[in-house]
Protein backbone atom coordinates (compact mmCIF):
# COMPACT_ATOMS: atom_id res chain seq x y z
CA UNK A 1 0.02 0.00 -0.01
CA UNK A 2 1.26 3.43 -0.94
CA UNK A 3 2.54 5.62 1.89
CA UNK A 4 1.44 9.20 2.41
CA UNK A 5 4.95 10.43 1.43
CA UNK A 6 4.90 8.44 -1.79
CA UNK A 7 1.48 9.92 -2.63
CA UNK A 8 2.51 13.51 -1.89
CA UNK A 9 5.43 13.03 -4.23
CA UNK A 10 2.94 13.14 -7.10
CA UNK A 11 1.63 16.66 -6.23
CA UNK A 12 2.62 19.09 -8.98
CA UNK A 13 5.34 21.57 -7.93
CA UNK A 14 5.03 24.91 -9.72
CA UNK A 15 7.66 26.65 -7.67
CA UNK A 16 10.78 28.12 -9.29
CA UNK A 17 13.79 25.92 -8.93
CA UNK A 18 15.91 28.91 -8.05
CA UNK A 19 16.25 29.37 -4.32
CA UNK A 20 14.47 26.16 -3.32
CA UNK A 21 15.64 24.95 0.07
CA UNK A 22 13.10 22.21 0.76
CA UNK A 23 11.39 19.58 -1.44
CA UNK A 24 7.68 20.10 -1.80
CA UNK A 25 7.01 16.51 -0.64
CA UNK A 26 8.80 17.14 2.66
CA UNK A 27 6.92 20.39 3.29
CA UNK A 28 3.52 18.82 2.58
CA UNK A 29 4.34 15.79 4.66
CA UNK A 30 5.15 18.00 7.63
CA UNK A 31 1.91 19.98 7.10
CA UNK A 32 -0.26 16.84 6.84
CA UNK A 33 1.41 15.17 9.78
CA UNK A 34 1.15 18.26 11.91
CA UNK A 35 -2.59 18.61 11.11
CA UNK A 36 -3.11 14.98 12.01
CA UNK A 37 -1.45 15.79 15.36
CA UNK A 38 -3.94 18.64 16.04
CA UNK A 39 -2.31 21.74 14.49
CA UNK A 40 -4.90 24.21 13.16
CA UNK A 41 -2.81 27.15 12.02
CA UNK A 42 0.49 28.00 10.36
CA UNK A 43 1.84 29.22 13.70
CA UNK A 44 0.94 25.90 15.27
CA UNK A 45 2.52 23.92 12.40
CA UNK A 46 5.72 25.91 12.67
CA UNK A 47 5.95 25.38 16.40
CA UNK A 48 5.14 21.69 15.97
CA UNK A 49 7.92 21.26 13.43
CA UNK A 50 10.45 22.98 15.69
CA UNK A 51 9.66 20.48 18.45
CA UNK A 52 10.37 17.40 16.43
CA UNK A 53 13.62 15.43 16.73
CA UNK A 54 16.19 15.83 14.01
CA UNK A 55 15.99 12.13 13.11
CA UNK A 56 12.27 12.43 12.36
CA UNK A 57 12.79 15.53 10.24
CA UNK A 58 15.45 13.78 8.24
CA UNK A 59 13.04 10.91 7.62
CA UNK A 60 10.40 13.44 6.43
CA UNK A 61 12.83 14.76 3.83
CA UNK A 62 14.76 17.57 5.55
CA UNK A 63 18.41 16.45 5.15
CA UNK A 64 19.76 18.91 7.71
CA UNK A 65 17.18 17.92 10.30
CA UNK A 66 15.84 21.51 10.48
CA UNK A 67 12.09 22.26 10.26
CA UNK A 68 10.95 25.07 7.91
CA UNK A 69 9.95 28.40 9.29
CA UNK A 70 6.62 30.22 9.15
CA UNK A 71 7.47 32.14 5.99
CA UNK A 72 8.55 29.01 4.12
CA UNK A 73 5.29 27.19 4.95
CA UNK A 74 3.23 30.26 4.05
CA UNK A 75 4.93 30.60 0.62
CA UNK A 76 4.58 26.88 -0.07
CA UNK A 77 0.86 26.77 0.65
CA UNK A 78 0.10 30.03 -1.11
CA UNK A 79 1.61 28.66 -4.38
CA UNK A 80 0.21 25.11 -3.88
CA UNK A 81 -1.63 23.48 -6.74
CA UNK A 82 -4.75 22.81 -4.72
CA UNK A 83 -6.46 20.64 -7.28
CA UNK A 84 -3.44 18.37 -7.67
CA UNK A 85 -2.99 18.18 -3.86
CA UNK A 86 -6.64 17.27 -3.22
CA UNK A 87 -6.68 14.71 -6.04
CA UNK A 88 -3.61 13.01 -4.68
CA UNK A 89 -4.99 12.95 -1.09
CA UNK A 90 -8.32 11.60 -2.28
CA UNK A 91 -6.65 8.74 -4.16
CA UNK A 92 -4.46 7.94 -1.16
CA UNK A 93 -7.36 8.03 1.26
CA UNK A 94 -9.46 5.65 -0.91
CA UNK A 95 -6.55 3.23 -1.16
CA UNK A 96 -5.96 3.41 2.59
CA UNK A 97 -9.61 2.75 3.38
CA UNK A 98 -9.68 -0.15 0.94
CA UNK A 99 -6.51 -1.61 2.45
CA UNK A 100 -7.55 -1.17 6.09
CA UNK A 101 -11.22 -1.96 5.85
CA UNK A 102 -11.65 -4.02 2.74
CA UNK A 103 -12.57 -7.14 4.73
CA UNK A 104 -15.38 -5.43 6.61
CA UNK A 105 -18.80 -5.81 5.08
CA UNK A 106 -20.61 -2.60 4.15
CA UNK A 107 -18.41 0.08 5.68
CA UNK A 108 -20.07 3.49 6.15
CA UNK A 109 -19.25 6.67 4.28
CA UNK A 110 -20.88 9.88 5.51
CA UNK A 111 -21.95 12.85 3.40
CA UNK A 112 -21.59 16.00 5.42
CA UNK A 113 -21.24 19.72 4.72
CA UNK A 114 -19.48 22.30 6.86
CA UNK A 115 -18.62 25.98 6.62
CA UNK A 116 -14.94 26.58 7.21
CA UNK A 117 -14.36 28.37 10.52
CA UNK A 118 -12.95 31.83 10.03
CA UNK A 119 -13.75 31.95 6.31
CA UNK A 120 -16.71 34.34 6.64
CA UNK A 121 -15.71 37.98 6.10
CA UNK A 122 -18.28 40.75 6.67
CA UNK A 123 -21.20 40.24 4.29
CA UNK A 124 -19.30 37.59 2.33
CA UNK A 125 -20.47 34.01 3.08
CA UNK A 126 -18.04 31.54 4.44
CA UNK A 127 -16.42 28.83 2.32
CA UNK A 128 -18.78 25.82 2.45
CA UNK A 129 -17.43 22.37 1.69
CA UNK A 130 -19.19 19.02 1.19
CA UNK A 131 -17.15 16.03 2.22
CA UNK A 132 -17.29 12.26 1.94
CA UNK A 133 -15.95 10.78 5.21
CA UNK A 134 -14.95 7.17 5.84
CA UNK A 135 -16.48 6.83 9.29
CA UNK A 136 -14.38 4.01 10.67
CA UNK A 137 -10.97 5.58 9.94
CA UNK A 138 -12.06 9.25 10.12
CA UNK A 139 -10.55 9.98 6.66
CA UNK A 140 -12.03 12.49 4.21
CA UNK A 141 -12.12 10.60 0.86
CA UNK A 142 -13.01 13.63 -1.22
CA UNK A 143 -14.58 17.06 -0.92
CA UNK A 144 -15.98 19.86 -3.07
CA UNK A 145 -16.91 23.47 -2.69
CA UNK A 146 -20.62 24.23 -2.41
CA UNK A 147 -21.28 27.53 -4.35
CA UNK A 148 -23.72 29.99 -2.74
CA UNK A 149 -26.18 29.67 -5.68
CA UNK A 150 -26.64 25.91 -5.28
CA UNK A 151 -27.04 23.30 -2.52
CA UNK A 152 -25.25 20.31 -1.07
CA UNK A 153 -27.26 17.59 -2.74
CA UNK A 154 -26.48 18.86 -6.26
CA UNK A 155 -22.75 19.04 -5.45
CA UNK A 156 -22.94 15.48 -4.06
CA UNK A 157 -23.71 14.03 -7.51
CA UNK A 158 -20.32 14.62 -9.15
CA UNK A 159 -18.63 14.01 -5.87
CA UNK A 160 -20.06 10.53 -5.45
CA UNK A 161 -19.60 9.80 -9.13
CA UNK A 162 -15.87 9.98 -8.66
CA UNK A 163 -15.80 7.34 -5.86
CA UNK A 164 -16.07 3.58 -5.97
CA UNK A 165 -19.33 2.90 -4.07
CA UNK A 166 -19.49 -0.90 -4.44
CA UNK A 167 -20.75 -2.40 -1.10
CA UNK A 168 -20.43 0.97 0.63
CA UNK A 169 -23.24 2.39 2.78
CA UNK A 170 -23.59 6.16 2.21
CA UNK A 171 -25.23 7.92 5.20
CA UNK A 172 -26.67 11.42 5.00
CA UNK A 173 -29.26 13.77 6.41
CA UNK A 174 -32.68 14.61 4.97
CA UNK A 175 -31.31 17.10 2.40
CA UNK A 176 -29.92 14.17 0.38
CA UNK A 177 -33.18 12.22 0.24
CA UNK A 178 -33.40 12.93 -3.49
CA UNK A 179 -34.12 10.58 -6.38
CA UNK A 180 -30.88 11.43 -8.24
CA UNK A 181 -28.67 10.79 -5.17
CA UNK A 182 -30.28 7.44 -4.35
CA UNK A 183 -30.27 6.30 -7.97
CA UNK A 184 -26.60 7.20 -8.36
CA UNK A 185 -25.59 5.25 -5.29
CA UNK A 186 -27.51 2.12 -6.20
CA UNK A 187 -26.43 2.35 -9.83
CA UNK A 188 -22.85 2.13 -8.59
CA UNK A 189 -23.75 -0.95 -6.49
CA UNK A 190 -23.71 0.94 -3.24
CA UNK A 191 -26.33 1.30 -0.45
CA UNK A 192 -27.74 4.26 1.36
CA UNK A 193 -29.13 5.17 4.73
CA UNK A 194 -30.72 8.64 4.47
CA UNK A 195 -33.00 10.44 6.92
CA UNK A 196 -36.60 11.02 5.76
CA UNK A 197 -38.43 13.93 7.29
CA UNK A 198 -41.67 15.92 6.88
CA UNK A 199 -40.21 18.03 4.10
CA UNK A 200 -41.29 15.15 1.77
CA UNK A 201 -44.77 14.32 3.25
CA UNK A 202 -45.92 11.99 0.37
CA UNK A 203 -42.82 9.84 0.43
CA UNK A 204 -42.79 9.76 4.25
CA UNK A 205 -46.43 8.58 4.30
CA UNK A 206 -45.66 5.88 1.74
CA UNK A 207 -42.91 4.54 4.03
CA UNK A 208 -45.25 4.71 7.08
CA UNK A 209 -47.97 2.83 5.16
CA UNK A 210 -45.47 0.14 4.08
CA UNK A 211 -44.30 -0.59 7.61
CA UNK A 212 -47.72 -0.52 9.29
CA UNK A 213 -48.64 -3.06 10.35
CA UNK A 214 -45.18 -4.45 11.05
CA UNK A 215 -43.83 -6.68 9.62
CA UNK A 216 -45.03 -5.68 6.13
CA UNK A 217 -46.92 -8.14 4.02
CA UNK A 218 -45.19 -9.97 1.17
């Protein structure tokens, strides 16, 4: 199974070769590892890197055993090819889930949307992301931005289309109880467990009628 470092080595590096002190793979590996350890800001990532032993930093890809400073991390992330980075992480996450949980029957994947904390500015809405999360390992398999003019369920269609859903159970709230979403999941040989509420009264009544009396007739 491919390691995280091997996966990050495929991220496109658009930086100028002149003046480069650190490999992009090493910088991204430090960032990802620091985030997994609880860092939530560049300041925290910088401090976390400074606390690590030289031997670990050498393994990460820093030959001198010295962690990068705040300015280096800031420049790296500001010039990062986000699409390439997210695509590589998504592929690695799916391989990891398959390798760790492949033997388990019907593992759960959760559809969930969140607004990024601190992304709202004045009257401008915050950045809203829709993610597919592997529940057992807590790994985000893929994510997409939800534009202000649309909603989560429409964004979920291309998001789910890019994943292998065979024998997966997709869980979601009532917003995703839509014909297109359910059809897409079953078409890809997956399963779904989605909340049904009063916002779809006819469908809800059909389900109630089917299960009363319980058990349903043949």
